[in-house]
């Protein structure tokens, strides 16, 4: 079987090997970026179950997992709690300030962080972290400013791809297969 890491440049593998924290945006990354309302005005979102499965494996490997998102939603809270995210930061007006607060609380270095984002409000953080990733359907000006463009679109397993990469780079993925 071909190794997961074989499709990535050595520089990406080296960066992924250092990761101790994975932070993600929500809309456009964990979801397709659509916001739907039902007949009662209740918001709905769809999440990819494959993203959820890898969260537990990352946490078992001692990697912190969390989210910083500009919107606030009870659905996001429910999903984050269900997956046992280490931190859930919603309603962010300044993702860098929120990141600094989380970084101070959990005591990690920028180069130990992977961040997945897809839009303008993610750009500063994408520039700051050790490994920056964006979905395949992000705008070109975001793709040009990250270390890695995912092979899949938002809501279709971007987080899973990143989790698999990090675990493989650390030599931990084969344990999951056995």
C-alpha atoms as a PDB file:
ATOM      1  CA  UNK A   1       0.000   0.000   0.000  1.00  0.00           C
ATOM      2  CA  UNK A   2       1.243   3.458  -0.910  1.00  0.00           C
ATOM      3  CA  UNK A   3       2.146   5.720   2.022  1.00  0.00           C
ATOM      4  CA  UNK A   4      -0.072   8.722   2.763  1.00  0.00           C
ATOM      5  CA  UNK A   5       2.986  10.929   2.928  1.00  0.00           C
ATOM      6  CA  UNK A   6       4.184   9.974  -0.564  1.00  0.00           C
ATOM      7  CA  UNK A   7       1.937  12.563  -2.216  1.00  0.00           C
ATOM      8  CA  UNK A   8       3.346  15.484  -0.216  1.00  0.00           C
ATOM      9  CA  UNK A   9       6.649  17.359  -0.584  1.00  0.00           C
ATOM     10  CA  UNK A  10       9.285  16.736   2.113  1.00  0.00           C
ATOM     11  CA  UNK A  11       8.826  20.308   3.404  1.00  0.00           C
ATOM     12  CA  UNK A  12       5.142  19.617   4.185  1.00  0.00           C
ATOM     13  CA  UNK A  13       6.000  16.341   5.927  1.00  0.00           C
ATOM     14  CA  UNK A  14       8.617  18.112   8.056  1.00  0.00           C
ATOM     15  CA  UNK A  15       6.097  20.783   9.066  1.00  0.00           C
ATOM     16  CA  UNK A  16       3.404  18.171   9.797  1.00  0.00           C
ATOM     17  CA  UNK A  17       5.799  16.189  11.999  1.00  0.00           C
ATOM     18  CA  UNK A  18       6.098  19.202  14.375  1.00  0.00           C
ATOM     19  CA  UNK A  19       2.341  19.702  14.836  1.00  0.00           C
ATOM     20  CA  UNK A  20       0.942  19.499  18.368  1.00  0.00           C
ATOM     21  CA  UNK A  21      -2.257  21.499  17.775  1.00  0.00           C
ATOM     22  CA  UNK A  22      -4.794  21.443  14.924  1.00  0.00           C
ATOM     23  CA  UNK A  23      -7.142  24.431  14.703  1.00  0.00           C
ATOM     24  CA  UNK A  24      -9.873  24.763  12.117  1.00  0.00           C
ATOM     25  CA  UNK A  25     -12.400  27.246  10.877  1.00  0.00           C
ATOM     26  CA  UNK A  26     -15.929  25.853  10.458  1.00  0.00           C
ATOM     27  CA  UNK A  27     -17.933  27.262   7.534  1.00  0.00           C
ATOM     28  CA  UNK A  28     -16.210  26.329   4.289  1.00  0.00           C
ATOM     29  CA  UNK A  29     -13.861  23.862   6.016  1.00  0.00           C
ATOM     30  CA  UNK A  30     -15.822  21.481   8.244  1.00  0.00           C
ATOM     31  CA  UNK A  31     -18.927  22.329   6.195  1.00  0.00           C
ATOM     32  CA  UNK A  32     -19.496  23.189   2.534  1.00  0.00           C
ATOM     33  CA  UNK A  33     -19.917  26.803   3.587  1.00  0.00           C
ATOM     34  CA  UNK A  34     -23.677  26.835   3.145  1.00  0.00           C
ATOM     35  CA  UNK A  35     -25.970  28.085   5.862  1.00  0.00           C
ATOM     36  CA  UNK A  36     -29.492  26.697   5.579  1.00  0.00           C
ATOM     37  CA  UNK A  37     -32.618  27.522   7.556  1.00  0.00           C
ATOM     38  CA  UNK A  38     -35.540  25.184   8.070  1.00  0.00           C
ATOM     39  CA  UNK A  39     -39.214  26.218   8.018  1.00  0.00           C
ATOM     40  CA  UNK A  40     -38.947  27.399  11.629  1.00  0.00           C
ATOM     41  CA  UNK A  41     -35.912  29.605  10.982  1.00  0.00           C
ATOM     42  CA  UNK A  42     -33.552  27.138  12.625  1.00  0.00           C
ATOM     43  CA  UNK A  43     -30.057  26.981  11.163  1.00  0.00           C
ATOM     44  CA  UNK A  44     -28.789  23.670   9.813  1.00  0.00           C
ATOM     45  CA  UNK A  45     -25.294  22.549   8.862  1.00  0.00           C
ATOM     46  CA  UNK A  46     -23.871  19.296   7.543  1.00  0.00           C
ATOM     47  CA  UNK A  47     -20.575  17.891   8.786  1.00  0.00           C
ATOM     48  CA  UNK A  48     -18.482  15.110   7.256  1.00  0.00           C
ATOM     49  CA  UNK A  49     -18.360  12.077   9.546  1.00  0.00           C
ATOM     50  CA  UNK A  50     -14.849  11.248   8.293  1.00  0.00           C
ATOM     51  CA  UNK A  51     -13.566  14.503   9.785  1.00  0.00           C
ATOM     52  CA  UNK A  52     -15.061  13.507  13.110  1.00  0.00           C
ATOM     53  CA  UNK A  53     -13.461  10.088  13.206  1.00  0.00           C
ATOM     54  CA  UNK A  54      -9.901  11.413  12.971  1.00  0.00           C
ATOM     55  CA  UNK A  55     -10.384  13.867  15.863  1.00  0.00           C
ATOM     56  CA  UNK A  56     -10.302  11.035  18.403  1.00  0.00           C
ATOM     57  CA  UNK A  57      -7.138   9.588  16.884  1.00  0.00           C
ATOM     58  CA  UNK A  58      -5.409  12.973  16.958  1.00  0.00           C
ATOM     59  CA  UNK A  59      -6.366  13.449  20.603  1.00  0.00           C
ATOM     60  CA  UNK A  60      -5.139   9.932  21.456  1.00  0.00           C
ATOM     61  CA  UNK A  61      -1.813  10.921  19.900  1.00  0.00           C
ATOM     62  CA  UNK A  62      -1.625  13.883  22.300  1.00  0.00           C
ATOM     63  CA  UNK A  63      -2.523  16.479  19.664  1.00  0.00           C
ATOM     64  CA  UNK A  64      -4.866  19.267  20.757  1.00  0.00           C
ATOM     65  CA  UNK A  65      -7.831  19.924  18.476  1.00  0.00           C
ATOM     66  CA  UNK A  66      -9.970  23.040  18.396  1.00  0.00           C
ATOM     67  CA  UNK A  67     -11.795  25.598  16.354  1.00  0.00           C
ATOM     68  CA  UNK A  68     -11.915  29.342  15.895  1.00  0.00           C
ATOM     69  CA  UNK A  69     -14.862  30.601  13.874  1.00  0.00           C
ATOM     70  CA  UNK A  70     -16.387  33.967  13.145  1.00  0.00           C
ATOM     71  CA  UNK A  71     -19.971  32.800  13.491  1.00  0.00           C
ATOM     72  CA  UNK A  72     -21.735  31.508  16.594  1.00  0.00           C
ATOM     73  CA  UNK A  73     -23.999  28.500  16.345  1.00  0.00           C
ATOM     74  CA  UNK A  74     -25.444  25.979  18.767  1.00  0.00           C
ATOM     75  CA  UNK A  75     -24.892  23.377  16.030  1.00  0.00           C
ATOM     76  CA  UNK A  76     -21.144  24.069  16.078  1.00  0.00           C
ATOM     77  CA  UNK A  77     -21.127  23.849  19.880  1.00  0.00           C
ATOM     78  CA  UNK A  78     -22.903  20.491  19.718  1.00  0.00           C
ATOM     79  CA  UNK A  79     -20.509  19.111  17.092  1.00  0.00           C
ATOM     80  CA  UNK A  80     -17.418  20.384  18.926  1.00  0.00           C
ATOM     81  CA  UNK A  81     -18.601  18.918  22.228  1.00  0.00           C
ATOM     82  CA  UNK A  82     -19.582  15.630  20.578  1.00  0.00           C
ATOM     83  CA  UNK A  83     -16.066  15.297  19.137  1.00  0.00           C
ATOM     84  CA  UNK A  84     -14.492  16.445  22.421  1.00  0.00           C
ATOM     85  CA  UNK A  85     -12.601  19.373  20.898  1.00  0.00           C
ATOM     86  CA  UNK A  86     -10.140  20.831  23.389  1.00  0.00           C
ATOM     87  CA  UNK A  87     -11.409  24.350  22.694  1.00  0.00           C
ATOM     88  CA  UNK A  88     -14.337  25.858  20.798  1.00  0.00           C
ATOM     89  CA  UNK A  89     -14.057  29.575  20.085  1.00  0.00           C
ATOM     90  CA  UNK A  90     -17.083  31.028  18.286  1.00  0.00           C
ATOM     91  CA  UNK A  91     -18.088  34.562  17.343  1.00  0.00           C
ATOM     92  CA  UNK A  92     -14.479  35.562  16.754  1.00  0.00           C
ATOM     93  CA  UNK A  93     -14.070  39.152  15.611  1.00  0.00           C
ATOM     94  CA  UNK A  94     -10.261  38.888  15.719  1.00  0.00           C
ATOM     95  CA  UNK A  95      -8.911  35.395  15.115  1.00  0.00           C
ATOM     96  CA  UNK A  96      -5.339  36.427  15.948  1.00  0.00           C
ATOM     97  CA  UNK A  97      -6.372  37.773  19.365  1.00  0.00           C
ATOM     98  CA  UNK A  98      -8.386  34.623  20.060  1.00  0.00           C
ATOM     99  CA  UNK A  99      -5.469  32.485  18.883  1.00  0.00           C
ATOM    100  CA  UNK A 100      -3.108  34.351  21.235  1.00  0.00           C
ATOM    101  CA  UNK A 101      -5.437  33.688  24.161  1.00  0.00           C
ATOM    102  CA  UNK A 102      -5.626  29.973  23.320  1.00  0.00           C
ATOM    103  CA  UNK A 103      -1.865  29.805  22.730  1.00  0.00           C
ATOM    104  CA  UNK A 104      -1.236  31.353  26.130  1.00  0.00           C
ATOM    105  CA  UNK A 105      -3.655  28.967  27.858  1.00  0.00           C
ATOM    106  CA  UNK A 106      -2.315  25.792  26.237  1.00  0.00           C
ATOM    107  CA  UNK A 107       1.325  26.939  25.884  1.00  0.00           C
ATOM    108  CA  UNK A 108       2.290  26.004  22.342  1.00  0.00           C
ATOM    109  CA  UNK A 109       4.520  27.607  19.726  1.00  0.00           C
ATOM    110  CA  UNK A 110       3.348  28.888  16.337  1.00  0.00           C
ATOM    111  CA  UNK A 111       5.366  26.242  14.469  1.00  0.00           C
ATOM    112  CA  UNK A 112       3.508  23.521  16.410  1.00  0.00           C
ATOM    113  CA  UNK A 113       0.132  24.602  14.980  1.00  0.00           C
ATOM    114  CA  UNK A 114      -1.719  23.519  11.852  1.00  0.00           C
ATOM    115  CA  UNK A 115      -4.554  25.845  10.886  1.00  0.00           C
ATOM    116  CA  UNK A 116      -7.229  25.158   8.276  1.00  0.00           C
ATOM    117  CA  UNK A 117      -9.004  28.222   6.928  1.00  0.00           C
ATOM    118  CA  UNK A 118     -10.681  29.324   3.731  1.00  0.00           C
ATOM    119  CA  UNK A 119     -11.337  33.059   3.657  1.00  0.00           C
ATOM    120  CA  UNK A 120     -10.072  36.574   4.295  1.00  0.00           C
ATOM    121  CA  UNK A 121     -10.637  36.462   8.053  1.00  0.00           C
ATOM    122  CA  UNK A 122      -8.309  33.425   8.202  1.00  0.00           C
ATOM    123  CA  UNK A 123      -5.420  34.948   6.279  1.00  0.00           C
ATOM    124  CA  UNK A 124      -3.434  36.417   9.196  1.00  0.00           C
ATOM    125  CA  UNK A 125      -3.631  33.163  11.106  1.00  0.00           C
ATOM    126  CA  UNK A 126      -2.720  31.131   8.033  1.00  0.00           C
ATOM    127  CA  UNK A 127       0.441  33.249   7.757  1.00  0.00           C
ATOM    128  CA  UNK A 128       1.282  32.811  11.437  1.00  0.00           C
ATOM    129  CA  UNK A 129       1.172  29.051  12.004  1.00  0.00           C
ATOM    130  CA  UNK A 130       3.618  26.251  11.247  1.00  0.00           C
ATOM    131  CA  UNK A 131       1.383  24.474   8.723  1.00  0.00           C
ATOM    132  CA  UNK A 132      -1.386  26.317   6.876  1.00  0.00           C
ATOM    133  CA  UNK A 133      -4.033  24.480   4.862  1.00  0.00           C
ATOM    134  CA  UNK A 134      -7.039  25.522   2.789  1.00  0.00           C
ATOM    135  CA  UNK A 135      -9.778  23.520   1.020  1.00  0.00           C
ATOM    136  CA  UNK A 136      -9.599  22.930  -2.741  1.00  0.00           C
ATOM    137  CA  UNK A 137     -12.507  25.316  -3.377  1.00  0.00           C
ATOM    138  CA  UNK A 138     -11.027  28.316  -1.562  1.00  0.00           C
ATOM    139  CA  UNK A 139     -10.412  31.542  -3.480  1.00  0.00           C
ATOM    140  CA  UNK A 140      -7.140  31.731  -5.400  1.00  0.00           C
ATOM    141  CA  UNK A 141      -5.816  34.512  -3.160  1.00  0.00           C
ATOM    142  CA  UNK A 142      -6.118  32.167  -0.165  1.00  0.00           C
ATOM    143  CA  UNK A 143      -4.579  29.209  -2.005  1.00  0.00           C
ATOM    144  CA  UNK A 144      -1.578  31.375  -2.880  1.00  0.00           C
ATOM    145  CA  UNK A 145      -0.977  32.086   0.819  1.00  0.00           C
ATOM    146  CA  UNK A 146      -0.917  28.601   2.360  1.00  0.00           C
ATOM    147  CA  UNK A 147       1.504  25.709   2.648  1.00  0.00           C
ATOM    148  CA  UNK A 148      -0.992  23.156   1.388  1.00  0.00           C
ATOM    149  CA  UNK A 149      -4.174  23.178  -0.689  1.00  0.00           C
ATOM    150  CA  UNK A 150      -6.308  20.178   0.255  1.00  0.00           C
ATOM    151  CA  UNK A 151      -7.255  17.718  -2.457  1.00  0.00           C
ATOM    152  CA  UNK A 152     -10.920  18.059  -1.414  1.00  0.00           C
ATOM    153  CA  UNK A 153     -13.464  20.863  -1.087  1.00  0.00           C
ATOM    154  CA  UNK A 154     -14.774  22.247   2.185  1.00  0.00           C
ATOM    155  CA  UNK A 155     -17.161  19.876   3.938  1.00  0.00           C
ATOM    156  CA  UNK A 156     -15.769  16.880   2.061  1.00  0.00           C
ATOM    157  CA  UNK A 157     -13.074  15.704   4.463  1.00  0.00           C
ATOM    158  CA  UNK A 158     -10.455  18.471   4.566  1.00  0.00           C
ATOM    159  CA  UNK A 159      -9.920  17.998   8.304  1.00  0.00           C
ATOM    160  CA  UNK A 160      -9.587  14.244   7.790  1.00  0.00           C
ATOM    161  CA  UNK A 161      -6.930  14.721   5.115  1.00  0.00           C
ATOM    162  CA  UNK A 162      -4.949  16.990   7.449  1.00  0.00           C
ATOM    163  CA  UNK A 163      -5.334  14.609  10.394  1.00  0.00           C
ATOM    164  CA  UNK A 164      -4.188  11.643   8.320  1.00  0.00           C
ATOM    165  CA  UNK A 165      -1.192  13.643   7.067  1.00  0.00           C
ATOM    166  CA  UNK A 166      -0.109  14.684  10.564  1.00  0.00           C
ATOM    167  CA  UNK A 167      -0.448  11.193  12.021  1.00  0.00           C
ATOM    168  CA  UNK A 168       1.416   9.697   9.041  1.00  0.00           C
ATOM    169  CA  UNK A 169       4.196  12.286   9.271  1.00  0.00           C
ATOM    170  CA  UNK A 170       4.641  11.367  12.941  1.00  0.00           C
ATOM    171  CA  UNK A 171       4.748   7.647  12.078  1.00  0.00           C
ATOM    172  CA  UNK A 172       1.464   6.969  13.897  1.00  0.00           C
ATOM    173  CA  UNK A 173      -0.910   6.254  11.037  1.00  0.00           C
ATOM    174  CA  UNK A 174       0.141   2.638  10.402  1.00  0.00           C
ATOM    175  CA  UNK A 175      -0.998   1.797  13.952  1.00  0.00           C
ATOM    176  CA  UNK A 176      -4.543   2.743  12.905  1.00  0.00           C
ATOM    177  CA  UNK A 177      -4.419   0.339   9.993  1.00  0.00           C
ATOM    178  CA  UNK A 178      -3.299  -2.608  12.119  1.00  0.00           C
END
